[in-house]
Amino acid sequence: MNKSPIKKPTQDDYIKTSLRIPRELHAKLMEIAEYNGRTLNAEIIDRLQAGPIYDLLRVLARDSAETKALVKEMHDLASK
């Protein structure tokens, strides 16, 4: 079974853009990027791509709390 080779991104796969951010945020991102062994650009991209995952986790956590509350309520009603 032959796997197709993974296409390495080229400069044409990216769009150059300019972004204004507060100095303190820039410094913090630079510090975190260095700690993670990444460029500032790679750190920002990683964080932007992770955003939807964290949004989903928040929804799951909220739904889990609501489900636990409903189960407790049902248990309390059944115990009466």
PDB file of N, CA and C in Angstrom:
ATOM      1  N   MET A   1       0.849  -1.181   0.000  1.00  0.00           N
ATOM      2  CA  MET A   1       0.000   0.000   0.000  1.00  0.00           C
ATOM      3  C   MET A   1       0.888   1.235   0.000  1.00  0.00           C
ATOM      4  N   ASN A   2       0.784   2.036  -1.034  1.00  0.00           N
ATOM      5  CA  ASN A   2       1.597   3.243  -1.161  1.00  0.00           C
ATOM      6  C   ASN A   2       0.868   4.433  -0.569  1.00  0.00           C
ATOM      7  N   LYS A   3       1.555   5.115   0.298  1.00  0.00           N
ATOM      8  CA  LYS A   3       1.006   6.347   0.843  1.00  0.00           C
ATOM      9  C   LYS A   3       1.446   7.491  -0.051  1.00  0.00           C
ATOM     10  N   SER A   4       0.524   8.428  -0.286  1.00  0.00           N
ATOM     11  CA  SER A   4       0.918   9.574  -1.089  1.00  0.00           C
ATOM     12  C   SER A   4       1.826  10.463  -0.249  1.00  0.00           C
ATOM     13  N   PRO A   5       2.842  11.019  -0.869  1.00  0.00           N
ATOM     14  CA  PRO A   5       3.778  11.855  -0.115  1.00  0.00           C
ATOM     15  C   PRO A   5       3.089  13.109   0.424  1.00  0.00           C
ATOM     16  N   ILE A   6       3.522  13.529   1.598  1.00  0.00           N
ATOM     17  CA  ILE A   6       2.969  14.733   2.196  1.00  0.00           C
ATOM     18  C   ILE A   6       3.560  15.943   1.492  1.00  0.00           C
ATOM     19  N   LYS A   7       2.690  16.833   1.026  1.00  0.00           N
ATOM     20  CA  LYS A   7       3.134  18.027   0.313  1.00  0.00           C
ATOM     21  C   LYS A   7       3.686  19.035   1.306  1.00  0.00           C
ATOM     22  N   LYS A   8       4.927  19.408   1.119  1.00  0.00           N
ATOM     23  CA  LYS A   8       5.541  20.420   1.968  1.00  0.00           C
ATOM     24  C   LYS A   8       5.043  21.788   1.528  1.00  0.00           C
ATOM     25  N   PRO A   9       4.565  22.587   2.503  1.00  0.00           N
ATOM     26  CA  PRO A   9       4.050  23.916   2.139  1.00  0.00           C
ATOM     27  C   PRO A   9       5.136  24.787   1.503  1.00  0.00           C
ATOM     28  N   THR A  10       4.716  25.592   0.563  1.00  0.00           N
ATOM     29  CA  THR A  10       5.611  26.552  -0.072  1.00  0.00           C
ATOM     30  C   THR A  10       5.144  27.961   0.292  1.00  0.00           C
ATOM     31  N   GLN A  11       5.906  28.961  -0.070  1.00  0.00           N
ATOM     32  CA  GLN A  11       5.535  30.344   0.208  1.00  0.00           C
ATOM     33  C   GLN A  11       4.202  30.707  -0.443  1.00  0.00           C
ATOM     34  N   ASP A  12       3.878  30.047  -1.561  1.00  0.00           N
ATOM     35  CA  ASP A  12       2.611  30.323  -2.247  1.00  0.00           C
ATOM     36  C   ASP A  12       1.407  29.844  -1.429  1.00  0.00           C
ATOM     37  N   ASP A  13       1.628  28.979  -0.442  1.00  0.00           N
ATOM     38  CA  ASP A  13       0.540  28.480   0.399  1.00  0.00           C
ATOM     39  C   ASP A  13       0.187  29.463   1.520  1.00  0.00           C
ATOM     40  N   TYR A  14       0.937  30.533   1.635  1.00  0.00           N
ATOM     41  CA  TYR A  14       0.742  31.494   2.721  1.00  0.00           C
ATOM     42  C   TYR A  14       0.407  32.866   2.170  1.00  0.00           C
ATOM     43  N   ILE A  15      -0.249  33.644   3.000  1.00  0.00           N
ATOM     44  CA  ILE A  15      -0.533  35.041   2.683  1.00  0.00           C
ATOM     45  C   ILE A  15       0.175  35.889   3.719  1.00  0.00           C
ATOM     46  N   LYS A  16       0.952  36.834   3.264  1.00  0.00           N
ATOM     47  CA  LYS A  16       1.635  37.743   4.179  1.00  0.00           C
ATOM     48  C   LYS A  16       0.651  38.821   4.605  1.00  0.00           C
ATOM     49  N   THR A  17       0.634  39.065   5.917  1.00  0.00           N
ATOM     50  CA  THR A  17      -0.275  40.076   6.438  1.00  0.00           C
ATOM     51  C   THR A  17       0.427  40.860   7.532  1.00  0.00           C
ATOM     52  N   SER A  18      -0.104  41.998   7.821  1.00  0.00           N
ATOM     53  CA  SER A  18       0.443  42.841   8.871  1.00  0.00           C
ATOM     54  C   SER A  18      -0.548  42.849  10.024  1.00  0.00           C
ATOM     55  N   LEU A  19      -0.016  42.848  11.228  1.00  0.00           N
ATOM     56  CA  LEU A  19      -0.868  42.784  12.410  1.00  0.00           C
ATOM     57  C   LEU A  19      -0.334  43.731  13.466  1.00  0.00           C
ATOM     58  N   ARG A  20      -1.215  44.535  14.028  1.00  0.00           N
ATOM     59  CA  ARG A  20      -0.798  45.422  15.119  1.00  0.00           C
ATOM     60  C   ARG A  20      -1.290  44.812  16.418  1.00  0.00           C
ATOM     61  N   ILE A  21      -0.368  44.570  17.352  1.00  0.00           N
ATOM     62  CA  ILE A  21      -0.731  44.038  18.661  1.00  0.00           C
ATOM     63  C   ILE A  21      -0.003  44.847  19.729  1.00  0.00           C
ATOM     64  N   PRO A  22      -0.546  44.871  20.929  1.00  0.00           N
ATOM     65  CA  PRO A  22       0.126  45.614  22.003  1.00  0.00           C
ATOM     66  C   PRO A  22       1.540  45.082  22.258  1.00  0.00           C
ATOM     67  N   ARG A  23       2.440  45.974  22.628  1.00  0.00           N
ATOM     68  CA  ARG A  23       3.833  45.597  22.874  1.00  0.00           C
ATOM     69  C   ARG A  23       3.956  44.487  23.902  1.00  0.00           C
ATOM     70  N   GLU A  24       3.148  44.566  24.970  1.00  0.00           N
ATOM     71  CA  GLU A  24       3.232  43.569  26.030  1.00  0.00           C
ATOM     72  C   GLU A  24       2.846  42.184  25.510  1.00  0.00           C
ATOM     73  N   LEU A  25       1.811  42.127  24.668  1.00  0.00           N
ATOM     74  CA  LEU A  25       1.391  40.856  24.089  1.00  0.00           C
ATOM     75  C   LEU A  25       2.462  40.314  23.153  1.00  0.00           C
ATOM     76  N   HIS A  26       3.048  41.183  22.357  1.00  0.00           N
ATOM     77  CA  HIS A  26       4.119  40.773  21.447  1.00  0.00           C
ATOM     78  C   HIS A  26       5.282  40.185  22.244  1.00  0.00           C
ATOM     79  N   ALA A  27       5.677  40.866  23.319  1.00  0.00           N
ATOM     80  CA  ALA A  27       6.791  40.384  24.141  1.00  0.00           C
ATOM     81  C   ALA A  27       6.462  39.026  24.751  1.00  0.00           C
ATOM     82  N   LYS A  28       5.233  38.857  25.234  1.00  0.00           N
ATOM     83  CA  LYS A  28       4.832  37.591  25.837  1.00  0.00           C
ATOM     84  C   LYS A  28       4.820  36.475  24.804  1.00  0.00           C
ATOM     85  N   LEU A  29       4.293  36.761  23.620  1.00  0.00           N
ATOM     86  CA  LEU A  29       4.280  35.759  22.553  1.00  0.00           C
ATOM     87  C   LEU A  29       5.694  35.374  22.128  1.00  0.00           C
ATOM     88  N   MET A  30       6.586  36.357  22.061  1.00  0.00           N
ATOM     89  CA  MET A  30       7.982  36.077  21.717  1.00  0.00           C
ATOM     90  C   MET A  30       8.609  35.162  22.763  1.00  0.00           C
ATOM     91  N   GLU A  31       8.339  35.462  24.020  1.00  0.00           N
ATOM     92  CA  GLU A  31       8.876  34.653  25.116  1.00  0.00           C
ATOM     93  C   GLU A  31       8.357  33.211  25.038  1.00  0.00           C
ATOM     94  N   ILE A  32       7.076  33.063  24.807  1.00  0.00           N
ATOM     95  CA  ILE A  32       6.473  31.728  24.719  1.00  0.00           C
ATOM     96  C   ILE A  32       6.982  30.987  23.493  1.00  0.00           C
ATOM     97  N   ALA A  33       7.092  31.694  22.365  1.00  0.00           N
ATOM     98  CA  ALA A  33       7.602  31.070  21.136  1.00  0.00           C
ATOM     99  C   ALA A  33       9.013  30.553  21.343  1.00  0.00           C
ATOM    100  N   GLU A  34       9.845  31.357  21.986  1.00  0.00           N
ATOM    101  CA  GLU A  34      11.223  30.936  22.250  1.00  0.00           C
ATOM    102  C   GLU A  34      11.232  29.703  23.154  1.00  0.00           C
ATOM    103  N   TYR A  35      10.410  29.715  24.193  1.00  0.00           N
ATOM    104  CA  TYR A  35      10.324  28.587  25.114  1.00  0.00           C
ATOM    105  C   TYR A  35       9.898  27.317  24.367  1.00  0.00           C
ATOM    106  N   ASN A  36       8.956  27.470  23.420  1.00  0.00           N
ATOM    107  CA  ASN A  36       8.456  26.328  22.653  1.00  0.00           C
ATOM    108  C   ASN A  36       9.337  25.968  21.459  1.00  0.00           C
ATOM    109  N   GLY A  37      10.417  26.737  21.246  1.00  0.00           N
ATOM    110  CA  GLY A  37      11.315  26.450  20.131  1.00  0.00           C
ATOM    111  C   GLY A  37      10.700  26.752  18.777  1.00  0.00           C
ATOM    112  N   ARG A  38       9.874  27.783  18.738  1.00  0.00           N
ATOM    113  CA  ARG A  38       9.203  28.156  17.495  1.00  0.00           C
ATOM    114  C   ARG A  38       9.467  29.619  17.172  1.00  0.00           C
ATOM    115  N   THR A  39       9.179  29.978  15.951  1.00  0.00           N
ATOM    116  CA  THR A  39       9.206  31.391  15.573  1.00  0.00           C
ATOM    117  C   THR A  39       7.928  32.034  16.085  1.00  0.00           C
ATOM    118  N   LEU A  40       7.918  33.346  16.120  1.00  0.00           N
ATOM    119  CA  LEU A  40       6.711  34.060  16.515  1.00  0.00           C
ATOM    120  C   LEU A  40       5.564  33.696  15.574  1.00  0.00           C
ATOM    121  N   ASN A  41       5.843  33.650  14.291  1.00  0.00           N
ATOM    122  CA  ASN A  41       4.833  33.300  13.299  1.00  0.00           C
ATOM    123  C   ASN A  41       4.250  31.917  13.576  1.00  0.00           C
ATOM    124  N   ALA A  42       5.110  30.936  13.819  1.00  0.00           N
ATOM    125  CA  ALA A  42       4.641  29.574  14.080  1.00  0.00           C
ATOM    126  C   ALA A  42       3.825  29.512  15.369  1.00  0.00           C
ATOM    127  N   GLU A  43       4.227  30.272  16.366  1.00  0.00           N
ATOM    128  CA  GLU A  43       3.483  30.289  17.635  1.00  0.00           C
ATOM    129  C   GLU A  43       2.078  30.854  17.434  1.00  0.00           C
ATOM    130  N   ILE A  44       1.988  31.951  16.703  1.00  0.00           N
ATOM    131  CA  ILE A  44       0.681  32.569  16.450  1.00  0.00           C
ATOM    132  C   ILE A  44      -0.208  31.620  15.643  1.00  0.00           C
ATOM    133  N   ILE A  45       0.341  30.998  14.604  1.00  0.00           N
ATOM    134  CA  ILE A  45      -0.437  30.060  13.786  1.00  0.00           C
ATOM    135  C   ILE A  45      -0.922  28.891  14.631  1.00  0.00           C
ATOM    136  N   ASP A  46      -0.046  28.337  15.469  1.00  0.00           N
ATOM    137  CA  ASP A  46      -0.422  27.213  16.319  1.00  0.00           C
ATOM    138  C   ASP A  46      -1.569  27.598  17.242  1.00  0.00           C
ATOM    139  N   ARG A  47      -1.480  28.767  17.829  1.00  0.00           N
ATOM    140  CA  ARG A  47      -2.521  29.219  18.755  1.00  0.00           C
ATOM    141  C   ARG A  47      -3.836  29.497  18.029  1.00  0.00           C
ATOM    142  N   LEU A  48      -3.779  30.055  16.837  1.00  0.00           N
ATOM    143  CA  LEU A  48      -5.004  30.299  16.076  1.00  0.00           C
ATOM    144  C   LEU A  48      -5.664  28.984  15.659  1.00  0.00           C
ATOM    145  N   GLN A  49      -4.852  28.014  15.262  1.00  0.00           N
ATOM    146  CA  GLN A  49      -5.409  26.727  14.860  1.00  0.00           C
ATOM    147  C   GLN A  49      -5.982  25.964  16.053  1.00  0.00           C
ATOM    148  N   ALA A  50      -5.435  26.168  17.234  1.00  0.00           N
ATOM    149  CA  ALA A  50      -5.910  25.473  18.430  1.00  0.00           C
ATOM    150  C   ALA A  50      -7.194  26.080  18.968  1.00  0.00           C
ATOM    151  N   GLY A  51      -7.512  27.300  18.592  1.00  0.00           N
ATOM    152  CA  GLY A  51      -8.691  27.976  19.114  1.00  0.00           C
ATOM    153  C   GLY A  51      -9.965  27.158  19.034  1.00  0.00           C
ATOM    154  N   PRO A  52     -10.315  26.596  17.875  1.00  0.00           N
ATOM    155  CA  PRO A  52     -11.549  25.807  17.793  1.00  0.00           C
ATOM    156  C   PRO A  52     -11.551  24.599  18.731  1.00  0.00           C
ATOM    157  N   ILE A  53     -10.399  24.021  18.994  1.00  0.00           N
ATOM    158  CA  ILE A  53     -10.321  22.874  19.899  1.00  0.00           C
ATOM    159  C   ILE A  53     -10.698  23.306  21.304  1.00  0.00           C
ATOM    160  N   TYR A  54     -10.153  24.433  21.745  1.00  0.00           N
ATOM    161  CA  TYR A  54     -10.476  24.933  23.072  1.00  0.00           C
ATOM    162  C   TYR A  54     -11.942  25.336  23.176  1.00  0.00           C
ATOM    163  N   ASP A  55     -12.495  25.884  22.106  1.00  0.00           N
ATOM    164  CA  ASP A  55     -13.916  26.221  22.100  1.00  0.00           C
ATOM    165  C   ASP A  55     -14.752  24.957  22.293  1.00  0.00           C
ATOM    166  N   LEU A  56     -14.386  23.886  21.594  1.00  0.00           N
ATOM    167  CA  LEU A  56     -15.101  22.621  21.720  1.00  0.00           C
ATOM    168  C   LEU A  56     -14.971  22.062  23.131  1.00  0.00           C
ATOM    169  N   LEU A  57     -13.791  22.144  23.712  1.00  0.00           N
ATOM    170  CA  LEU A  57     -13.595  21.648  25.079  1.00  0.00           C
ATOM    171  C   LEU A  57     -14.458  22.426  26.075  1.00  0.00           C
ATOM    172  N   ARG A  58     -14.572  23.727  25.876  1.00  0.00           N
ATOM    173  CA  ARG A  58     -15.432  24.528  26.764  1.00  0.00           C
ATOM    174  C   ARG A  58     -16.887  24.097  26.642  1.00  0.00           C
ATOM    175  N   VAL A  59     -17.340  23.839  25.413  1.00  0.00           N
ATOM    176  CA  VAL A  59     -18.718  23.383  25.203  1.00  0.00           C
ATOM    177  C   VAL A  59     -18.923  22.029  25.862  1.00  0.00           C
ATOM    178  N   LEU A  60     -17.974  21.128  25.685  1.00  0.00           N
ATOM    179  CA  LEU A  60     -18.090  19.803  26.300  1.00  0.00           C
ATOM    180  C   LEU A  60     -18.115  19.893  27.816  1.00  0.00           C
ATOM    181  N   ALA A  61     -17.288  20.752  28.381  1.00  0.00           N
ATOM    182  CA  ALA A  61     -17.257  20.922  29.837  1.00  0.00           C
ATOM    183  C   ALA A  61     -18.593  21.471  30.328  1.00  0.00           C
ATOM    184  N   ARG A  62     -19.136  22.441  29.617  1.00  0.00           N
ATOM    185  CA  ARG A  62     -20.431  23.015  29.991  1.00  0.00           C
ATOM    186  C   ARG A  62     -21.521  21.957  29.898  1.00  0.00           C
ATOM    187  N   ASP A  63     -21.520  21.210  28.776  1.00  0.00           N
ATOM    188  CA  ASP A  63     -22.525  20.165  28.588  1.00  0.00           C
ATOM    189  C   ASP A  63     -22.393  19.083  29.647  1.00  0.00           C
ATOM    190  N   SER A  64     -21.170  18.763  30.015  1.00  0.00           N
ATOM    191  CA  SER A  64     -20.927  17.749  31.036  1.00  0.00           C
ATOM    192  C   SER A  64     -21.498  18.207  32.376  1.00  0.00           C
ATOM    193  N   ALA A  65     -21.286  19.458  32.721  1.00  0.00           N
ATOM    194  CA  ALA A  65     -21.813  19.997  33.975  1.00  0.00           C
ATOM    195  C   ALA A  65     -23.338  19.985  33.957  1.00  0.00           C
ATOM    196  N   GLU A  66     -23.930  20.334  32.823  1.00  0.00           N
ATOM    197  CA  GLU A  66     -25.386  20.319  32.710  1.00  0.00           C
ATOM    198  C   GLU A  66     -25.926  18.900  32.816  1.00  0.00           C
ATOM    199  N   THR A  67     -25.234  17.953  32.194  1.00  0.00           N
ATOM    200  CA  THR A  67     -25.654  16.552  32.257  1.00  0.00           C
ATOM    201  C   THR A  67     -25.573  16.033  33.685  1.00  0.00           C
ATOM    202  N   LYS A  68     -24.486  16.356  34.391  1.00  0.00           N
ATOM    203  CA  LYS A  68     -24.350  15.926  35.787  1.00  0.00           C
ATOM    204  C   LYS A  68     -25.479  16.498  36.635  1.00  0.00           C
ATOM    205  N   ALA A  69     -25.826  17.750  36.407  1.00  0.00           N
ATOM    206  CA  ALA A  69     -26.912  18.381  37.165  1.00  0.00           C
ATOM    207  C   ALA A  69     -28.241  17.686  36.882  1.00  0.00           C
ATOM    208  N   LEU A  70     -28.494  17.333  35.625  1.00  0.00           N
ATOM    209  CA  LEU A  70     -29.737  16.640  35.279  1.00  0.00           C
ATOM    210  C   LEU A  70     -29.792  15.249  35.903  1.00  0.00           C
ATOM    211  N   VAL A  71     -28.681  14.534  35.871  1.00  0.00           N
ATOM    212  CA  VAL A  71     -28.622  13.198  36.473  1.00  0.00           C
ATOM    213  C   VAL A  71     -28.890  13.294  37.970  1.00  0.00           C
ATOM    214  N   LYS A  72     -28.293  14.279  38.632  1.00  0.00           N
ATOM    215  CA  LYS A  72     -28.516  14.463  40.070  1.00  0.00           C
ATOM    216  C   LYS A  72     -29.983  14.766  40.335  1.00  0.00           C
ATOM    217  N   GLU A  73     -30.558  15.640  39.516  1.00  0.00           N
ATOM    218  CA  GLU A  73     -31.960  15.996  39.696  1.00  0.00           C
ATOM    219  C   GLU A  73     -32.847  14.765  39.511  1.00  0.00           C
ATOM    220  N   MET A  74     -32.570  13.949  38.489  1.00  0.00           N
ATOM    221  CA  MET A  74     -33.346  12.737  38.258  1.00  0.00           C
ATOM    222  C   MET A  74     -33.190  11.763  39.421  1.00  0.00           C
ATOM    223  N   HIS A  75     -31.969  11.634  39.946  1.00  0.00           N
ATOM    224  CA  HIS A  75     -31.707  10.765  41.073  1.00  0.00           C
ATOM    225  C   HIS A  75     -32.480  11.233  42.305  1.00  0.00           C
ATOM    226  N   ASP A  76     -32.454  12.552  42.539  1.00  0.00           N
ATOM    227  CA  ASP A  76     -33.173  13.116  43.680  1.00  0.00           C
ATOM    228  C   ASP A  76     -34.684  12.867  43.561  1.00  0.00           C
ATOM    229  N   LEU A  77     -35.212  13.025  42.334  1.00  0.00           N
ATOM    230  CA  LEU A  77     -36.643  12.780  42.131  1.00  0.00           C
ATOM    231  C   LEU A  77     -36.988  11.314  42.326  1.00  0.00           C
ATOM    232  N   ALA A  78     -36.115  10.419  41.879  1.00  0.00           N
ATOM    233  CA  ALA A  78     -36.354   8.984  42.023  1.00  0.00           C
ATOM    234  C   ALA A  78     -36.262   8.538  43.467  1.00  0.00           C
ATOM    235  N   SER A  79     -35.499   9.266  44.278  1.00  0.00           N
ATOM    236  CA  SER A  79     -35.305   8.907  45.686  1.00  0.00           C
ATOM    237  C   SER A  79     -36.482   9.324  46.559  1.00  0.00           C
ATOM    238  N   LYS A  80     -37.368  10.155  46.043  1.00  0.00           N
ATOM    239  CA  LYS A  80     -38.510  10.652  46.842  1.00  0.00           C
ATOM    240  C   LYS A  80     -39.601   9.634  46.946  1.00  0.00           C
TER     241      LYS A  80
END
